[in-house]
């Protein structure tokens, strides 16, 4: 019985620490008006610890961001945008376990 308990405990702990939750989010950023602003928004978000992928669309004024939920929250990304002078709204989010 003790072996089963410790095995389950070890499984839970290893899953919590080794595997994060990957989030795919789309943010609407009206301030993206030309490639220069798209570059600034992208580089701002890439500097946030836990961000894996950033793609911006000047045409749609949107940013696709993939990040590790165990390292950063969506609120932190929006704050980073605000600090750089841009407002952002969450359009869509999808979570998946790694």
N, C-alpha and C. Protein backbone atom coordinates (compact mmCIF):
# COMPACT_ATOMS: atom_id res chain seq x y z
N UNK A 1 0.82 -1.19 0.00
CA UNK A 1 0.00 0.00 0.00
C UNK A 1 0.87 1.26 0.00
N UNK A 2 1.97 1.22 0.79
CA UNK A 2 2.86 2.37 0.83
C UNK A 2 3.52 2.60 -0.52
N UNK A 3 3.87 1.50 -1.20
CA UNK A 3 4.50 1.64 -2.52
C UNK A 3 3.55 2.31 -3.51
N UNK A 4 2.30 1.93 -3.47
CA UNK A 4 1.30 2.51 -4.36
C UNK A 4 1.14 4.00 -4.07
N UNK A 5 1.05 4.34 -2.80
CA UNK A 5 0.90 5.74 -2.41
C UNK A 5 2.09 6.58 -2.89
N UNK A 6 3.30 6.09 -2.62
CA UNK A 6 4.50 6.84 -3.02
C UNK A 6 4.66 6.89 -4.53
N UNK A 7 4.25 5.84 -5.22
CA UNK A 7 4.31 5.85 -6.69
C UNK A 7 3.37 6.91 -7.25
N UNK A 8 2.16 6.97 -6.71
CA UNK A 8 1.20 7.98 -7.18
C UNK A 8 1.68 9.39 -6.82
N UNK A 9 2.24 9.55 -5.64
CA UNK A 9 2.76 10.85 -5.22
C UNK A 9 3.91 11.28 -6.14
N UNK A 10 4.80 10.38 -6.43
CA UNK A 10 5.92 10.68 -7.32
C UNK A 10 5.42 11.04 -8.72
N UNK A 11 4.44 10.33 -9.22
CA UNK A 11 3.87 10.62 -10.53
C UNK A 11 3.26 12.02 -10.55
N UNK A 12 2.51 12.36 -9.52
CA UNK A 12 1.89 13.67 -9.44
C UNK A 12 2.93 14.78 -9.39
N UNK A 13 3.93 14.62 -8.55
CA UNK A 13 4.97 15.64 -8.40
C UNK A 13 5.75 15.81 -9.69
N UNK A 14 6.13 14.72 -10.32
CA UNK A 14 6.92 14.82 -11.56
C UNK A 14 6.10 15.46 -12.67
N UNK A 15 4.83 15.14 -12.74
CA UNK A 15 3.99 15.75 -13.78
C UNK A 15 3.86 17.25 -13.54
N UNK A 16 3.69 17.66 -12.29
CA UNK A 16 3.53 19.08 -11.97
C UNK A 16 4.78 19.87 -12.28
N UNK A 17 5.96 19.31 -12.02
CA UNK A 17 7.20 20.06 -12.22
C UNK A 17 7.78 19.91 -13.62
N UNK A 18 7.66 18.76 -14.21
CA UNK A 18 8.28 18.52 -15.50
C UNK A 18 7.42 18.96 -16.67
N UNK A 19 6.12 18.87 -16.50
CA UNK A 19 5.23 19.17 -17.60
C UNK A 19 4.38 20.37 -17.26
N UNK A 20 4.47 21.39 -18.08
CA UNK A 20 3.65 22.57 -17.88
C UNK A 20 2.45 22.51 -18.78
N UNK A 21 1.70 23.55 -18.72
CA UNK A 21 0.55 23.67 -19.59
C UNK A 21 0.92 24.69 -20.66
N UNK A 22 0.85 24.29 -21.90
CA UNK A 22 1.14 25.20 -23.01
C UNK A 22 -0.15 25.89 -23.41
N UNK A 23 -0.08 27.19 -23.53
CA UNK A 23 -1.25 27.99 -23.90
C UNK A 23 -0.99 28.64 -25.25
N UNK A 24 -1.95 28.53 -26.13
CA UNK A 24 -1.93 29.24 -27.41
C UNK A 24 -2.97 30.35 -27.29
N UNK A 25 -2.54 31.58 -27.46
CA UNK A 25 -3.45 32.71 -27.32
C UNK A 25 -3.35 33.63 -28.52
N UNK A 26 -4.48 34.26 -28.84
CA UNK A 26 -4.52 35.29 -29.87
C UNK A 26 -4.92 36.58 -29.19
N UNK A 27 -4.09 37.60 -29.36
CA UNK A 27 -4.34 38.90 -28.76
C UNK A 27 -4.64 39.92 -29.85
N UNK A 28 -5.63 40.75 -29.62
CA UNK A 28 -5.93 41.86 -30.52
C UNK A 28 -5.17 43.07 -30.02
N UNK A 29 -4.31 43.64 -30.87
CA UNK A 29 -3.50 44.80 -30.50
C UNK A 29 -3.72 45.88 -31.57
N UNK A 30 -4.68 46.80 -31.32
CA UNK A 30 -4.99 47.82 -32.32
C UNK A 30 -3.81 48.72 -32.69
N UNK A 31 -2.80 48.81 -31.84
CA UNK A 31 -1.65 49.67 -32.10
C UNK A 31 -0.70 49.14 -33.15
N UNK A 32 -0.93 47.91 -33.63
CA UNK A 32 -0.08 47.37 -34.70
C UNK A 32 -0.58 47.95 -36.02
N UNK A 33 0.14 48.96 -36.50
CA UNK A 33 -0.30 49.65 -37.72
C UNK A 33 0.66 49.51 -38.89
N UNK A 34 1.88 49.12 -38.61
CA UNK A 34 2.88 48.93 -39.67
C UNK A 34 3.93 47.95 -39.16
N UNK A 35 4.82 47.44 -40.02
CA UNK A 35 5.79 46.42 -39.61
C UNK A 35 6.67 46.82 -38.43
N UNK A 36 6.98 48.09 -38.28
CA UNK A 36 7.80 48.53 -37.15
C UNK A 36 7.12 48.28 -35.81
N UNK A 37 5.82 48.57 -35.75
CA UNK A 37 5.10 48.31 -34.50
C UNK A 37 4.92 46.82 -34.27
N UNK A 38 4.76 46.06 -35.33
CA UNK A 38 4.66 44.60 -35.20
C UNK A 38 5.95 44.03 -34.63
N UNK A 39 7.07 44.56 -35.11
CA UNK A 39 8.37 44.11 -34.60
C UNK A 39 8.52 44.45 -33.12
N UNK A 40 8.13 45.65 -32.74
CA UNK A 40 8.26 46.06 -31.33
C UNK A 40 7.38 45.21 -30.42
N UNK A 41 6.15 44.93 -30.84
CA UNK A 41 5.24 44.09 -30.06
C UNK A 41 5.82 42.68 -29.94
N UNK A 42 6.29 42.13 -31.04
CA UNK A 42 6.87 40.78 -31.03
C UNK A 42 8.08 40.70 -30.11
N UNK A 43 8.99 41.66 -30.24
CA UNK A 43 10.20 41.60 -29.42
C UNK A 43 9.88 41.82 -27.94
N UNK A 44 8.89 42.63 -27.64
CA UNK A 44 8.47 42.83 -26.25
C UNK A 44 7.97 41.52 -25.65
N UNK A 45 7.13 40.81 -26.38
CA UNK A 45 6.56 39.56 -25.85
C UNK A 45 7.61 38.45 -25.79
N UNK A 46 8.53 38.42 -26.74
CA UNK A 46 9.58 37.39 -26.73
C UNK A 46 10.50 37.51 -25.52
N UNK A 47 10.61 38.69 -24.96
CA UNK A 47 11.47 38.92 -23.79
C UNK A 47 10.85 38.38 -22.50
N UNK A 48 9.57 38.07 -22.51
CA UNK A 48 8.91 37.56 -21.30
C UNK A 48 9.28 36.10 -21.12
N UNK A 49 9.77 35.76 -19.94
CA UNK A 49 10.17 34.39 -19.63
C UNK A 49 8.96 33.46 -19.73
N UNK A 50 9.10 32.38 -20.50
CA UNK A 50 8.03 31.41 -20.67
C UNK A 50 7.36 31.50 -22.03
N UNK A 51 7.60 32.59 -22.77
CA UNK A 51 7.03 32.74 -24.10
C UNK A 51 7.86 31.91 -25.07
N UNK A 52 7.19 31.09 -25.87
CA UNK A 52 7.87 30.20 -26.80
C UNK A 52 7.81 30.70 -28.24
N UNK A 53 6.63 31.12 -28.67
CA UNK A 53 6.43 31.55 -30.07
C UNK A 53 5.61 32.83 -30.09
N UNK A 54 5.99 33.76 -30.97
CA UNK A 54 5.22 34.99 -31.18
C UNK A 54 5.14 35.24 -32.68
N UNK A 55 3.94 35.41 -33.19
CA UNK A 55 3.73 35.78 -34.60
C UNK A 55 2.75 36.94 -34.64
N UNK A 56 3.07 37.98 -35.37
CA UNK A 56 2.19 39.14 -35.46
C UNK A 56 1.62 39.29 -36.86
N UNK A 57 0.43 39.84 -36.93
CA UNK A 57 -0.22 40.13 -38.20
C UNK A 57 -0.58 41.61 -38.23
N UNK A 58 0.08 42.35 -39.11
CA UNK A 58 -0.21 43.78 -39.25
C UNK A 58 -1.62 43.94 -39.82
N UNK A 59 -1.96 43.13 -40.78
CA UNK A 59 -3.27 43.22 -41.44
C UNK A 59 -4.42 43.04 -40.44
N UNK A 60 -4.31 42.02 -39.58
CA UNK A 60 -5.39 41.73 -38.63
C UNK A 60 -5.22 42.43 -37.28
N UNK A 61 -4.04 43.05 -37.09
CA UNK A 61 -3.71 43.69 -35.81
C UNK A 61 -3.83 42.68 -34.66
N UNK A 62 -3.28 41.49 -34.91
CA UNK A 62 -3.34 40.40 -33.94
C UNK A 62 -1.96 39.82 -33.69
N UNK A 63 -1.83 39.20 -32.52
CA UNK A 63 -0.59 38.53 -32.15
C UNK A 63 -0.94 37.13 -31.66
N UNK A 64 -0.29 36.13 -32.25
CA UNK A 64 -0.41 34.75 -31.78
C UNK A 64 0.77 34.50 -30.85
N UNK A 65 0.47 34.05 -29.63
CA UNK A 65 1.51 33.80 -28.64
C UNK A 65 1.34 32.40 -28.08
N UNK A 66 2.43 31.66 -28.02
CA UNK A 66 2.44 30.36 -27.37
C UNK A 66 3.37 30.47 -26.17
N UNK A 67 2.86 30.09 -24.98
CA UNK A 67 3.66 30.23 -23.78
C UNK A 67 3.38 29.12 -22.79
N UNK A 68 4.31 28.99 -21.84
CA UNK A 68 4.22 27.99 -20.79
C UNK A 68 3.49 28.61 -19.60
N UNK A 69 2.31 28.07 -19.30
CA UNK A 69 1.46 28.60 -18.24
C UNK A 69 2.09 28.46 -16.85
N UNK A 70 3.05 27.57 -16.70
CA UNK A 70 3.69 27.42 -15.40
C UNK A 70 4.74 28.51 -15.16
N UNK A 71 5.12 29.24 -16.21
CA UNK A 71 6.13 30.29 -16.08
C UNK A 71 5.55 31.69 -16.21
N UNK A 72 4.49 31.84 -16.96
CA UNK A 72 3.92 33.17 -17.21
C UNK A 72 2.42 33.04 -17.42
N UNK A 73 1.69 34.05 -17.03
CA UNK A 73 0.24 34.10 -17.19
C UNK A 73 -0.10 35.13 -18.26
N UNK A 74 -1.28 34.99 -18.82
CA UNK A 74 -1.72 35.90 -19.89
C UNK A 74 -1.74 37.35 -19.41
N UNK A 75 -2.04 37.55 -18.12
CA UNK A 75 -2.06 38.90 -17.57
C UNK A 75 -0.67 39.55 -17.65
N UNK A 76 0.38 38.73 -17.46
CA UNK A 76 1.74 39.25 -17.55
C UNK A 76 2.07 39.71 -18.97
N UNK A 77 1.55 39.00 -19.95
CA UNK A 77 1.79 39.39 -21.35
C UNK A 77 1.10 40.72 -21.65
N UNK A 78 -0.13 40.87 -21.16
CA UNK A 78 -0.86 42.12 -21.39
C UNK A 78 -0.17 43.29 -20.68
N UNK A 79 0.38 43.04 -19.49
CA UNK A 79 1.11 44.09 -18.77
C UNK A 79 2.39 44.47 -19.51
N UNK A 80 3.07 43.48 -20.09
CA UNK A 80 4.28 43.77 -20.86
C UNK A 80 3.94 44.63 -22.08
N UNK A 81 2.83 44.34 -22.73
CA UNK A 81 2.39 45.17 -23.86
C UNK A 81 2.10 46.59 -23.42
N UNK A 82 1.39 46.73 -22.30
CA UNK A 82 1.07 48.07 -21.79
C UNK A 82 2.32 48.85 -21.46
N UNK A 83 3.30 48.17 -20.87
CA UNK A 83 4.56 48.82 -20.52
C UNK A 83 5.27 49.34 -21.77
N UNK A 84 5.09 48.63 -22.88
CA UNK A 84 5.70 49.05 -24.15
C UNK A 84 4.84 50.08 -24.89
N UNK A 85 3.66 50.40 -24.33
CA UNK A 85 2.81 51.42 -24.94
C UNK A 85 1.68 50.91 -25.79
N UNK A 86 1.33 49.64 -25.66
CA UNK A 86 0.27 49.04 -26.48
C UNK A 86 -0.81 48.43 -25.60
N UNK A 87 -2.04 48.53 -26.05
CA UNK A 87 -3.16 47.88 -25.38
C UNK A 87 -3.45 46.58 -26.11
N UNK A 88 -3.82 45.56 -25.35
CA UNK A 88 -4.15 44.28 -25.96
C UNK A 88 -5.33 43.64 -25.29
N UNK A 89 -6.10 42.91 -26.07
CA UNK A 89 -7.25 42.15 -25.56
C UNK A 89 -7.10 40.70 -26.00
N UNK A 90 -7.53 39.79 -25.15
CA UNK A 90 -7.48 38.37 -25.48
C UNK A 90 -8.68 38.03 -26.36
N UNK A 91 -8.40 37.46 -27.52
CA UNK A 91 -9.46 37.02 -28.42
C UNK A 91 -9.77 35.55 -28.19
N UNK A 92 -8.71 34.75 -28.06
CA UNK A 92 -8.88 33.30 -27.96
C UNK A 92 -7.73 32.69 -27.17
N UNK A 93 -8.04 31.66 -26.40
CA UNK A 93 -7.00 30.89 -25.71
C UNK A 93 -7.34 29.42 -25.79
N UNK A 94 -6.30 28.60 -25.94
CA UNK A 94 -6.44 27.15 -25.94
C UNK A 94 -5.31 26.57 -25.12
N UNK A 95 -5.65 25.67 -24.22
CA UNK A 95 -4.67 25.04 -23.37
C UNK A 95 -4.44 23.61 -23.81
N UNK A 96 -3.23 23.13 -23.56
CA UNK A 96 -2.95 21.72 -23.77
C UNK A 96 -1.80 21.31 -22.84
N UNK A 97 -1.87 20.10 -22.33
CA UNK A 97 -0.79 19.59 -21.50
C UNK A 97 0.33 19.08 -22.39
N UNK A 98 1.54 19.29 -21.96
CA UNK A 98 2.70 18.84 -22.72
C UNK A 98 3.03 17.43 -22.33
